[in-house]
């Protein structure tokens, strides 16, 4: 019996990839969007226009992640949105 006869258990790619962290870029975005929306509304921009503008910025961010090949990040973002809308 040789040393090489034992095989390592197979792992899936999702088991070996590190989990994404909540870092400074995510925290900055989470804080800056409400602050920017508040500033725009206080300066006289209608609230509906503020929501459209910030929604468009968020959609561009999602498109950039998807175009960059970040399927896993996009799937995580989609699941977070679904959990948030479901109230969990």
N, C-alpha and C. Protein backbone atom coordinates (compact mmCIF):
# COMPACT_ATOMS: atom_id res chain seq x y z
N UNK A 1 0.85 -1.17 0.00
CA UNK A 1 0.00 0.00 0.00
C UNK A 1 0.89 1.23 0.00
N UNK A 2 0.66 2.11 -0.94
CA UNK A 2 1.48 3.31 -1.03
C UNK A 2 0.79 4.48 -0.34
N UNK A 3 1.55 5.52 -0.12
CA UNK A 3 1.03 6.70 0.55
C UNK A 3 0.02 7.41 -0.33
N UNK A 4 0.19 7.35 -1.63
CA UNK A 4 -0.68 8.06 -2.55
C UNK A 4 -2.02 7.37 -2.80
N UNK A 5 -2.24 6.23 -2.20
CA UNK A 5 -3.47 5.50 -2.47
C UNK A 5 -4.69 6.14 -1.79
N UNK A 6 -4.49 6.98 -0.79
CA UNK A 6 -5.62 7.64 -0.15
C UNK A 6 -5.98 8.88 -0.95
N UNK A 7 -7.24 9.09 -1.12
CA UNK A 7 -7.71 10.24 -1.88
C UNK A 7 -8.35 11.27 -0.96
N UNK A 8 -8.12 12.49 -1.29
CA UNK A 8 -8.74 13.58 -0.52
C UNK A 8 -10.20 13.68 -0.91
N UNK A 9 -11.06 14.03 0.04
CA UNK A 9 -12.47 14.17 -0.31
C UNK A 9 -12.66 15.32 -1.30
N UNK A 10 -13.60 15.14 -2.20
CA UNK A 10 -13.87 16.18 -3.19
C UNK A 10 -14.65 17.32 -2.54
N UNK A 11 -14.30 18.51 -2.92
CA UNK A 11 -15.04 19.67 -2.44
C UNK A 11 -15.55 20.45 -3.63
N UNK A 12 -16.68 21.07 -3.44
CA UNK A 12 -17.23 21.90 -4.49
C UNK A 12 -16.55 23.26 -4.45
N UNK A 13 -16.63 23.97 -5.55
CA UNK A 13 -16.01 25.29 -5.63
C UNK A 13 -16.60 26.24 -4.59
N UNK A 14 -17.89 26.10 -4.31
CA UNK A 14 -18.52 27.01 -3.35
C UNK A 14 -18.04 26.76 -1.92
N UNK A 15 -17.51 25.58 -1.65
CA UNK A 15 -17.02 25.28 -0.31
C UNK A 15 -15.62 25.83 -0.09
N UNK A 16 -14.87 26.08 -1.16
CA UNK A 16 -13.51 26.54 -1.00
C UNK A 16 -13.37 28.05 -1.17
N UNK A 17 -14.35 28.71 -1.80
CA UNK A 17 -14.28 30.15 -1.99
C UNK A 17 -14.56 30.87 -0.67
N UNK A 18 -13.80 31.92 -0.38
CA UNK A 18 -14.10 32.68 0.84
C UNK A 18 -15.41 33.44 0.67
N UNK A 19 -16.13 33.60 1.75
CA UNK A 19 -17.38 34.33 1.71
C UNK A 19 -17.11 35.82 1.58
N UNK A 20 -17.95 36.53 0.83
CA UNK A 20 -17.74 37.97 0.70
C UNK A 20 -17.97 38.66 2.04
N UNK A 21 -17.19 39.71 2.27
CA UNK A 21 -17.30 40.43 3.52
C UNK A 21 -18.05 41.74 3.30
N UNK A 22 -18.61 42.26 4.38
CA UNK A 22 -19.19 43.58 4.37
C UNK A 22 -18.08 44.54 4.73
N UNK A 23 -17.56 45.22 3.74
CA UNK A 23 -16.40 46.08 3.94
C UNK A 23 -16.72 47.55 3.79
N UNK A 24 -15.68 48.34 3.69
CA UNK A 24 -15.81 49.79 3.61
C UNK A 24 -16.60 50.24 2.38
N UNK A 25 -16.40 49.65 1.18
CA UNK A 25 -17.20 50.11 0.03
C UNK A 25 -18.70 49.90 0.23
N UNK A 26 -19.08 48.77 0.81
CA UNK A 26 -20.49 48.52 1.04
C UNK A 26 -21.05 49.46 2.11
N UNK A 27 -20.28 49.70 3.15
CA UNK A 27 -20.72 50.61 4.22
C UNK A 27 -20.84 52.04 3.68
N UNK A 28 -19.89 52.45 2.85
CA UNK A 28 -19.95 53.79 2.28
C UNK A 28 -21.21 53.97 1.44
N UNK A 29 -21.53 52.97 0.63
CA UNK A 29 -22.72 53.04 -0.21
C UNK A 29 -23.98 53.06 0.63
N UNK A 30 -24.03 52.22 1.65
CA UNK A 30 -25.21 52.14 2.50
C UNK A 30 -25.45 53.45 3.25
N UNK A 31 -24.40 54.19 3.54
CA UNK A 31 -24.55 55.46 4.25
C UNK A 31 -24.74 56.62 3.27
N UNK A 32 -24.02 56.59 2.16
CA UNK A 32 -24.04 57.75 1.26
C UNK A 32 -25.35 57.90 0.49
N UNK A 33 -26.03 56.80 0.14
CA UNK A 33 -27.26 56.92 -0.62
C UNK A 33 -28.35 57.64 0.18
N UNK A 34 -28.64 57.27 1.42
CA UNK A 34 -29.66 58.03 2.17
C UNK A 34 -29.24 59.47 2.43
N UNK A 35 -27.96 59.70 2.67
CA UNK A 35 -27.49 61.07 2.91
C UNK A 35 -27.66 61.91 1.65
N UNK A 36 -27.25 61.36 0.51
CA UNK A 36 -27.40 62.07 -0.75
C UNK A 36 -28.86 62.34 -1.06
N UNK A 37 -29.72 61.37 -0.85
CA UNK A 37 -31.15 61.56 -1.08
C UNK A 37 -31.73 62.64 -0.19
N UNK A 38 -31.32 62.67 1.07
CA UNK A 38 -31.81 63.70 2.00
C UNK A 38 -31.34 65.08 1.57
N UNK A 39 -30.08 65.19 1.17
CA UNK A 39 -29.55 66.49 0.74
C UNK A 39 -30.27 66.98 -0.51
N UNK A 40 -30.49 66.08 -1.46
CA UNK A 40 -31.20 66.48 -2.68
C UNK A 40 -32.62 66.93 -2.38
N UNK A 41 -33.30 66.23 -1.47
CA UNK A 41 -34.68 66.60 -1.13
C UNK A 41 -34.73 67.94 -0.39
N UNK A 42 -33.80 68.16 0.51
CA UNK A 42 -33.76 69.42 1.25
C UNK A 42 -33.46 70.60 0.32
N UNK A 43 -32.65 70.37 -0.71
CA UNK A 43 -32.32 71.45 -1.63
C UNK A 43 -33.43 71.72 -2.64
N UNK A 44 -34.51 70.95 -2.62
CA UNK A 44 -35.66 71.26 -3.45
C UNK A 44 -36.00 70.25 -4.52
N UNK A 45 -35.27 69.19 -4.64
CA UNK A 45 -35.60 68.18 -5.65
C UNK A 45 -36.80 67.37 -5.17
N UNK A 46 -37.80 67.15 -6.05
CA UNK A 46 -38.96 66.35 -5.64
C UNK A 46 -38.55 64.94 -5.23
N UNK A 47 -39.25 64.41 -4.24
CA UNK A 47 -38.89 63.11 -3.68
C UNK A 47 -38.95 62.00 -4.72
N UNK A 48 -39.92 62.07 -5.63
CA UNK A 48 -40.02 61.04 -6.67
C UNK A 48 -38.78 61.06 -7.56
N UNK A 49 -38.26 62.24 -7.88
CA UNK A 49 -37.06 62.34 -8.70
C UNK A 49 -35.83 61.82 -7.96
N UNK A 50 -35.80 62.03 -6.64
CA UNK A 50 -34.69 61.51 -5.84
C UNK A 50 -34.67 59.99 -5.90
N UNK A 51 -35.85 59.37 -5.75
CA UNK A 51 -35.93 57.91 -5.80
C UNK A 51 -35.52 57.38 -7.18
N UNK A 52 -35.95 58.06 -8.23
CA UNK A 52 -35.59 57.62 -9.58
C UNK A 52 -34.08 57.73 -9.79
N UNK A 53 -33.50 58.85 -9.36
CA UNK A 53 -32.06 59.04 -9.53
C UNK A 53 -31.25 58.00 -8.76
N UNK A 54 -31.59 57.80 -7.48
CA UNK A 54 -30.83 56.83 -6.69
C UNK A 54 -31.09 55.40 -7.13
N UNK A 55 -32.31 55.11 -7.59
CA UNK A 55 -32.60 53.79 -8.14
C UNK A 55 -31.80 53.52 -9.40
N UNK A 56 -31.66 54.54 -10.23
CA UNK A 56 -30.84 54.40 -11.44
C UNK A 56 -29.38 54.16 -11.10
N UNK A 57 -28.88 54.86 -10.08
CA UNK A 57 -27.49 54.64 -9.64
C UNK A 57 -27.30 53.21 -9.15
N UNK A 58 -28.27 52.72 -8.39
CA UNK A 58 -28.19 51.34 -7.91
C UNK A 58 -28.25 50.34 -9.04
N UNK A 59 -29.10 50.60 -10.04
CA UNK A 59 -29.20 49.70 -11.19
C UNK A 59 -27.89 49.69 -11.97
N UNK A 60 -27.25 50.84 -12.11
CA UNK A 60 -25.95 50.87 -12.79
C UNK A 60 -24.91 50.07 -12.01
N UNK A 61 -24.95 50.15 -10.70
CA UNK A 61 -24.02 49.37 -9.88
C UNK A 61 -24.22 47.88 -10.06
N UNK A 62 -25.47 47.45 -10.08
CA UNK A 62 -25.78 46.03 -10.29
C UNK A 62 -25.33 45.59 -11.68
N UNK A 63 -25.55 46.43 -12.68
CA UNK A 63 -25.11 46.10 -14.04
C UNK A 63 -23.59 45.99 -14.12
N UNK A 64 -22.89 46.86 -13.39
CA UNK A 64 -21.43 46.80 -13.39
C UNK A 64 -20.93 45.51 -12.75
N UNK A 65 -21.59 45.08 -11.68
CA UNK A 65 -21.20 43.82 -11.03
C UNK A 65 -21.46 42.65 -11.97
N UNK A 66 -22.62 42.67 -12.63
CA UNK A 66 -22.97 41.57 -13.54
C UNK A 66 -22.02 41.54 -14.74
N UNK A 67 -21.67 42.70 -15.27
CA UNK A 67 -20.78 42.75 -16.42
C UNK A 67 -19.37 42.34 -16.06
N UNK A 68 -18.99 42.53 -14.82
CA UNK A 68 -17.65 42.15 -14.37
C UNK A 68 -17.52 40.67 -14.06
N UNK A 69 -18.54 39.91 -14.29
CA UNK A 69 -18.47 38.47 -14.05
C UNK A 69 -18.75 38.09 -12.61
N UNK A 70 -19.34 38.96 -11.85
CA UNK A 70 -19.61 38.68 -10.44
C UNK A 70 -20.95 38.00 -10.23
N UNK A 71 -21.12 36.83 -10.81
CA UNK A 71 -22.40 36.12 -10.66
C UNK A 71 -22.70 35.81 -9.21
N UNK A 72 -21.68 35.43 -8.48
CA UNK A 72 -21.89 35.07 -7.08
C UNK A 72 -22.31 36.29 -6.27
N UNK A 73 -21.67 37.42 -6.53
CA UNK A 73 -22.04 38.65 -5.84
C UNK A 73 -23.45 39.08 -6.23
N UNK A 74 -23.76 38.94 -7.50
CA UNK A 74 -25.08 39.32 -7.98
C UNK A 74 -26.15 38.41 -7.36
N UNK A 75 -25.86 37.13 -7.25
CA UNK A 75 -26.80 36.21 -6.62
C UNK A 75 -26.98 36.55 -5.14
N UNK A 76 -25.89 36.92 -4.48
CA UNK A 76 -25.99 37.35 -3.07
C UNK A 76 -26.79 38.62 -2.92
N UNK A 77 -26.59 39.56 -3.84
CA UNK A 77 -27.35 40.80 -3.80
C UNK A 77 -28.83 40.52 -4.03
N UNK A 78 -29.14 39.66 -4.99
CA UNK A 78 -30.54 39.33 -5.27
C UNK A 78 -31.20 38.65 -4.09
N UNK A 79 -30.49 37.75 -3.43
CA UNK A 79 -31.08 37.09 -2.27
C UNK A 79 -31.27 38.06 -1.11
N UNK A 80 -30.33 39.03 -0.97
CA UNK A 80 -30.49 40.04 0.09
C UNK A 80 -31.71 40.93 -0.19
N UNK A 81 -31.90 41.29 -1.45
CA UNK A 81 -33.06 42.10 -1.80
C UNK A 81 -34.34 41.34 -1.55
N UNK A 82 -34.38 40.07 -1.91
CA UNK A 82 -35.57 39.26 -1.68
C UNK A 82 -35.86 39.10 -0.19
N UNK A 83 -34.80 38.89 0.60
CA UNK A 83 -35.01 38.79 2.06
C UNK A 83 -35.51 40.09 2.64
N UNK A 84 -34.99 41.21 2.14
CA UNK A 84 -35.39 42.52 2.65
C UNK A 84 -36.85 42.82 2.31
N UNK A 85 -37.25 42.48 1.08
CA UNK A 85 -38.63 42.74 0.68
C UNK A 85 -39.61 41.79 1.36
N UNK A 86 -39.13 40.61 1.73
CA UNK A 86 -40.00 39.65 2.41
C UNK A 86 -40.09 39.95 3.91
N UNK A 87 -39.25 40.83 4.40
CA UNK A 87 -39.31 41.20 5.81
C UNK A 87 -38.58 40.24 6.73
N UNK A 88 -37.62 39.51 6.21
CA UNK A 88 -36.88 38.56 7.04
C UNK A 88 -35.59 39.14 7.50
